[in-house]
């Protein structure tokens, strides 16, 4: 168990660095180079990052909300109820794109619509068999993200 605790602590330190690099690059208005800055963390991880705020006292919540759209506590709540992992996955994709390549108007519009659909439909998850507002927003966001890969 001790090895797991040490590994977990190390991973959380890597996550903190990833957030710090994003925050620095945003403040300096420059495009990040995650491979050069910290090769171990190249993409988002909404659940682990939420734990940095909820359990480890990180306080720059606006950075988290910019990357993932929701407050850390809300991400953990979504994670607990999102059995398919679809919502957490799309939050991760958004944060990764934003951190690695910057903001794209089509992605940010689709992300905002998706965020609102999740907020307006608590507990609902995207499903291929219905065309709810959430599903439509989810599909538009996936399409916008795929345009910038």
Protein backbone atom coordinates (compact mmCIF):
# COMPACT_ATOMS: atom_id res chain seq x y z
CA UNK A 1 0.00 0.00 0.00
CA UNK A 2 2.87 2.37 0.71
CA UNK A 3 4.05 2.14 -2.92
CA UNK A 4 0.55 2.98 -4.13
CA UNK A 5 0.37 6.00 -1.84
CA UNK A 6 3.74 7.26 -3.05
CA UNK A 7 2.78 6.69 -6.71
CA UNK A 8 -0.51 8.47 -6.16
CA UNK A 9 1.23 11.40 -4.49
CA UNK A 10 3.65 11.60 -7.41
CA UNK A 11 0.83 11.58 -9.94
CA UNK A 12 -1.00 14.30 -8.06
CA UNK A 13 2.18 16.41 -8.12
CA UNK A 14 2.33 15.92 -11.90
CA UNK A 15 -1.31 17.00 -12.14
CA UNK A 16 -0.55 20.12 -10.08
CA UNK A 17 2.31 20.96 -12.44
CA UNK A 18 0.03 20.50 -15.46
CA UNK A 19 -2.44 23.00 -14.00
CA UNK A 20 0.37 25.39 -13.07
CA UNK A 21 1.81 25.28 -16.61
CA UNK A 22 -1.64 25.99 -18.08
CA UNK A 23 -2.16 28.85 -15.63
CA UNK A 24 1.25 30.32 -16.43
CA UNK A 25 0.80 30.07 -20.19
CA UNK A 26 -2.68 31.56 -19.98
CA UNK A 27 -1.38 34.47 -17.92
CA UNK A 28 1.51 35.03 -20.37
CA UNK A 29 -0.87 34.52 -23.33
CA UNK A 30 1.40 32.01 -24.98
CA UNK A 31 0.87 28.64 -26.55
CA UNK A 32 2.08 25.89 -24.22
CA UNK A 33 4.71 23.29 -24.97
CA UNK A 34 3.80 20.52 -22.57
CA UNK A 35 6.38 18.11 -23.94
CA UNK A 36 9.15 20.55 -23.04
CA UNK A 37 7.60 21.81 -19.81
CA UNK A 38 6.60 18.48 -18.30
CA UNK A 39 6.58 15.40 -20.50
CA UNK A 40 4.61 13.25 -18.03
CA UNK A 41 1.45 15.36 -18.21
CA UNK A 42 0.20 16.13 -21.68
CA UNK A 43 -3.54 15.99 -21.21
CA UNK A 44 -6.34 16.73 -18.81
CA UNK A 45 -7.64 14.52 -16.03
CA UNK A 46 -10.79 16.10 -14.60
CA UNK A 47 -11.24 13.65 -11.74
CA UNK A 48 -7.67 13.76 -10.43
CA UNK A 49 -7.55 17.52 -10.89
CA UNK A 50 -10.84 17.87 -8.97
CA UNK A 51 -9.24 15.98 -6.08
CA UNK A 52 -6.47 18.59 -5.99
CA UNK A 53 -9.12 21.18 -5.17
CA UNK A 54 -11.47 19.14 -3.03
CA UNK A 55 -8.94 17.17 -0.99
CA UNK A 56 -5.59 18.91 -1.32
CA UNK A 57 -6.55 22.55 -0.96
CA UNK A 58 -5.77 23.99 -4.38
CA UNK A 59 -7.56 27.34 -4.60
CA UNK A 60 -7.42 28.66 -8.19
CA UNK A 61 -10.81 27.21 -9.08
CA UNK A 62 -11.30 29.56 -12.04
CA UNK A 63 -8.52 27.70 -13.88
CA UNK A 64 -10.30 24.40 -13.24
CA UNK A 65 -13.63 25.82 -14.42
CA UNK A 66 -12.02 27.22 -17.56
CA UNK A 67 -10.58 23.82 -18.43
CA UNK A 68 -13.47 21.57 -17.40
CA UNK A 69 -16.51 23.86 -17.30
CA UNK A 70 -17.72 22.81 -13.87
CA UNK A 71 -16.63 23.27 -10.27
CA UNK A 72 -14.42 20.47 -8.90
CA UNK A 73 -17.19 19.15 -6.63
CA UNK A 74 -19.59 18.96 -9.60
CA UNK A 75 -17.03 17.01 -11.67
CA UNK A 76 -16.68 14.48 -8.85
CA UNK A 77 -20.48 14.19 -8.65
CA UNK A 78 -20.72 13.66 -12.42
CA UNK A 79 -17.94 11.06 -12.22
CA UNK A 80 -19.80 9.15 -9.52
CA UNK A 81 -22.96 8.95 -11.63
CA UNK A 82 -21.53 8.78 -15.18
CA UNK A 83 -21.16 5.00 -15.57
CA UNK A 84 -20.34 5.27 -19.27
CA UNK A 85 -17.63 7.86 -18.71
CA UNK A 86 -18.86 9.92 -21.67
CA UNK A 87 -19.14 13.24 -19.88
CA UNK A 88 -15.81 12.92 -18.07
CA UNK A 89 -14.19 11.92 -21.36
CA UNK A 90 -15.47 14.99 -23.20
CA UNK A 91 -14.40 17.26 -20.31
CA UNK A 92 -10.94 15.74 -20.61
CA UNK A 93 -10.86 16.26 -24.37
CA UNK A 94 -11.85 19.90 -23.98
CA UNK A 95 -9.20 20.60 -21.34
CA UNK A 96 -6.51 18.83 -23.35
CA UNK A 97 -7.30 20.78 -26.52
CA UNK A 98 -7.50 24.08 -24.64
CA UNK A 99 -4.19 23.48 -22.87
CA UNK A 100 -2.31 22.15 -25.89
CA UNK A 101 -3.64 24.30 -28.72
CA UNK A 102 -5.61 27.13 -27.20
CA UNK A 103 -9.20 28.19 -27.62
CA UNK A 104 -11.27 27.72 -30.76
CA UNK A 105 -14.59 29.60 -31.09
CA UNK A 106 -16.50 26.60 -32.45
CA UNK A 107 -15.29 24.37 -29.62
CA UNK A 108 -16.00 26.95 -26.93
CA UNK A 109 -19.53 27.55 -28.27
CA UNK A 110 -20.22 23.81 -28.38
CA UNK A 111 -18.67 23.34 -24.93
CA UNK A 112 -20.83 26.10 -23.45
CA UNK A 113 -23.96 24.51 -24.98
CA UNK A 114 -22.92 21.11 -23.61
CA UNK A 115 -22.27 22.59 -20.17
CA UNK A 116 -25.74 24.18 -20.14
CA UNK A 117 -27.38 20.95 -21.29
CA UNK A 118 -25.69 19.00 -18.49
CA UNK A 119 -26.75 21.64 -15.96
CA UNK A 120 -30.35 21.62 -17.22
CA UNK A 121 -30.57 17.81 -17.27
CA UNK A 122 -29.02 16.58 -14.01
CA UNK A 123 -28.48 12.85 -13.96
CA UNK A 124 -29.10 12.46 -17.69
CA UNK A 125 -26.31 11.08 -19.86
CA UNK A 126 -25.83 11.19 -23.63
CA UNK A 127 -27.54 8.26 -25.35
CA UNK A 128 -27.55 7.22 -28.97
CA UNK A 129 -31.21 6.22 -28.91
CA UNK A 130 -32.67 9.65 -28.15
CA UNK A 131 -32.03 13.11 -29.48
CA UNK A 132 -32.33 15.13 -26.29
CA UNK A 133 -30.82 18.58 -25.93
CA UNK A 134 -27.96 16.93 -24.06
CA UNK A 135 -27.35 14.43 -26.85
CA UNK A 136 -27.43 17.17 -29.49
CA UNK A 137 -24.99 19.32 -27.49
CA UNK A 138 -22.74 16.31 -26.88
CA UNK A 139 -22.69 15.42 -30.58
CA UNK A 140 -21.90 19.04 -31.60
CA UNK A 141 -19.08 19.20 -29.05
CA UNK A 142 -17.54 15.92 -30.22
CA UNK A 143 -17.67 17.18 -33.81
CA UNK A 144 -16.06 20.52 -32.89
CA UNK A 145 -13.31 18.74 -30.92
CA UNK A 146 -12.61 16.38 -33.80
CA UNK A 147 -12.15 19.34 -36.15
CA UNK A 148 -9.04 20.37 -34.20
CA UNK A 149 -7.20 17.09 -33.65
